[in-house]
Each structure stands twice: as structure tokens, then as C-alpha cells.
């Protein structure tokens, strides 16, 4: 896809401007999930549905390249061109199958810092 980059860091992306290619953060995690954020170039951001979490099919059709099982879980309103993804720790990256013993937090335990 013309907007995909394997580069992990674009200096312009760190300065609040939009990159020219899709940029992927390094993975980070808590006790339940592995997280990653994706920074979209303006051309891709314009094609992205607004105010809606994307299904895996939708984000793959936009050219995102991630292993299986990722969930677009939150929208960061101040920066809608930055998409937030997570998947349960231990998810099979080839099949997207979640570990059998995984139990998501209940709604009142959810911690979302992206407002």
C-alpha cells in the first residue's frame, strides 16, 4: 500500500504534524492488553470513517499492516488521525485467537485515558 511505512519513527510525527506514511508505535502493555497506536497521513485520515471504531476488515482495507486480533478500541478526539489499538496478551498473531483463559475487564473496570 502506498501509505504504509515500516519505519517506527518519523520526526515530523513527533512534532504534532501528520506523517507522509502510516506510522506504527512500538508495542506497550499493561497486565491484560498489548497496545499500539497508529498515526495516519492526511490522505488516509480523510478516507477513515469519522467518530466510529473500525472493524479489523475496515482498518485492513485502509492499508494498516498489523498481526491479527487487533481491536480499534478508542478514539482520541483531539487527534482523530491517531488510532488506538489493543489485543489481549497472548493472542495468536497469525490467527487472532485470544487465549482461552482471557477474561476482559468489566465495564466499570475499564480504564481509558483517551478522551
Protein backbone atom coordinates (compact mmCIF):
# COMPACT_ATOMS: atom_id res chain seq x y z
CA UNK A 1 0.00 0.00 0.00
CA UNK A 2 1.48 3.40 -0.91
CA UNK A 3 0.93 4.94 2.55
CA UNK A 4 2.44 2.15 4.64
CA UNK A 5 5.86 2.51 6.19
CA UNK A 6 7.82 0.03 8.20
CA UNK A 7 9.55 2.96 9.85
CA UNK A 8 8.77 3.25 13.55
CA UNK A 9 9.63 6.91 13.95
CA UNK A 10 9.01 9.93 11.79
CA UNK A 11 10.46 13.09 13.29
CA UNK A 12 7.57 15.13 11.91
CA UNK A 13 5.06 12.83 13.62
CA UNK A 14 6.61 13.58 16.99
CA UNK A 15 6.22 17.31 16.40
CA UNK A 16 2.44 17.26 16.04
CA UNK A 17 2.32 17.19 12.23
CA UNK A 18 0.90 14.37 10.17
CA UNK A 19 3.36 11.88 8.66
CA UNK A 20 3.52 11.09 4.94
CA UNK A 21 3.14 7.34 5.61
CA UNK A 22 1.24 5.24 8.15
CA UNK A 23 3.37 5.17 11.29
CA UNK A 24 3.16 2.45 13.95
CA UNK A 25 4.22 2.93 17.56
CA UNK A 26 6.23 0.36 19.42
CA UNK A 27 4.02 -2.04 21.36
CA UNK A 28 3.39 -1.34 25.04
CA UNK A 29 1.24 -3.24 27.52
CA UNK A 30 -0.47 -3.47 30.87
CA UNK A 31 -1.40 -6.68 32.71
CA UNK A 32 -4.14 -7.62 30.20
CA UNK A 33 -3.55 -5.98 26.81
CA UNK A 34 -0.82 -5.22 24.30
CA UNK A 35 -1.30 -1.73 22.85
CA UNK A 36 -0.11 0.15 19.80
CA UNK A 37 -1.15 3.43 18.24
CA UNK A 38 -1.18 4.19 14.55
CA UNK A 39 -0.62 7.68 13.14
CA UNK A 40 -2.28 8.26 9.78
CA UNK A 41 -1.12 10.54 6.97
CA UNK A 42 -3.74 13.07 5.89
CA UNK A 43 -4.58 11.09 2.71
CA UNK A 44 -5.54 8.02 4.75
CA UNK A 45 -7.16 10.03 7.57
CA UNK A 46 -9.57 11.57 5.03
CA UNK A 47 -10.69 8.06 3.95
CA UNK A 48 -11.22 6.93 7.54
CA UNK A 49 -14.83 6.94 8.87
CA UNK A 50 -15.27 9.64 11.48
CA UNK A 51 -16.43 9.07 15.08
CA UNK A 52 -16.53 5.30 14.62
CA UNK A 53 -14.39 2.42 15.82
CA UNK A 54 -13.13 0.45 12.85
CA UNK A 55 -13.52 -3.29 12.41
CA UNK A 56 -10.43 -5.31 11.51
CA UNK A 57 -11.69 -5.56 7.92
CA UNK A 58 -12.11 -1.77 7.71
CA UNK A 59 -8.66 -0.91 9.03
CA UNK A 60 -7.01 -3.57 6.85
CA UNK A 61 -8.80 -2.12 3.79
CA UNK A 62 -7.24 1.27 4.63
CA UNK A 63 -3.78 -0.33 4.37
CA UNK A 64 -2.89 -0.97 8.01
CA UNK A 65 -0.46 -3.85 8.46
CA UNK A 66 -0.67 -5.46 11.88
CA UNK A 67 -0.85 -9.01 13.12
CA UNK A 68 -4.32 -10.50 13.63
CA UNK A 69 -6.51 -9.87 16.64
CA UNK A 70 -6.05 -6.11 16.98
CA UNK A 71 -9.05 -4.10 18.13
CA UNK A 72 -9.53 -0.39 17.43
CA UNK A 73 -10.73 0.35 20.96
CA UNK A 74 -10.76 4.13 21.40
CA UNK A 75 -10.93 7.43 19.55
CA UNK A 76 -8.70 10.24 20.79
CA UNK A 77 -10.92 13.22 19.90
CA UNK A 78 -8.16 15.88 19.95
CA UNK A 79 -6.14 13.84 17.42
CA UNK A 80 -8.53 11.72 15.32
CA UNK A 81 -5.68 10.79 12.93
CA UNK A 82 -4.12 8.73 15.77
CA UNK A 83 -5.91 5.40 16.15
CA UNK A 84 -5.58 3.35 19.34
CA UNK A 85 -5.38 -0.44 19.11
CA UNK A 86 -5.14 -3.27 21.64
CA UNK A 87 -5.29 -7.04 21.81
CA UNK A 88 -5.23 -9.43 24.74
CA UNK A 89 -1.74 -10.52 25.78
CA UNK A 90 -1.04 -13.98 24.36
CA UNK A 91 -3.27 -13.57 21.28
CA UNK A 92 -2.02 -15.69 18.37
CA UNK A 93 -0.63 -13.14 15.83
CA UNK A 94 -1.38 -15.42 12.86
CA UNK A 95 -4.95 -16.44 13.72
CA UNK A 96 -6.08 -13.68 16.08
CA UNK A 97 -7.27 -16.35 18.53
CA UNK A 98 -7.49 -15.00 22.08
CA UNK A 99 -6.13 -17.20 24.90
CA UNK A 100 -8.84 -19.43 26.38
CA UNK A 101 -8.26 -18.10 29.91
CA UNK A 102 -8.60 -14.41 28.89
CA UNK A 103 -11.34 -12.55 30.77
CA UNK A 104 -11.89 -8.90 29.78
CA UNK A 105 -12.42 -6.32 32.48
CA UNK A 106 -15.99 -5.47 33.31
CA UNK A 107 -17.31 -2.09 32.10
CA UNK A 108 -16.73 -0.46 35.50
CA UNK A 109 -13.09 -1.65 35.47
CA UNK A 110 -12.29 -0.14 32.05
CA UNK A 111 -9.51 2.41 32.14
CA UNK A 112 -9.43 4.62 29.06
CA UNK A 113 -7.20 7.65 29.18
CA UNK A 114 -8.02 8.80 25.64
CA UNK A 115 -10.86 11.31 25.97
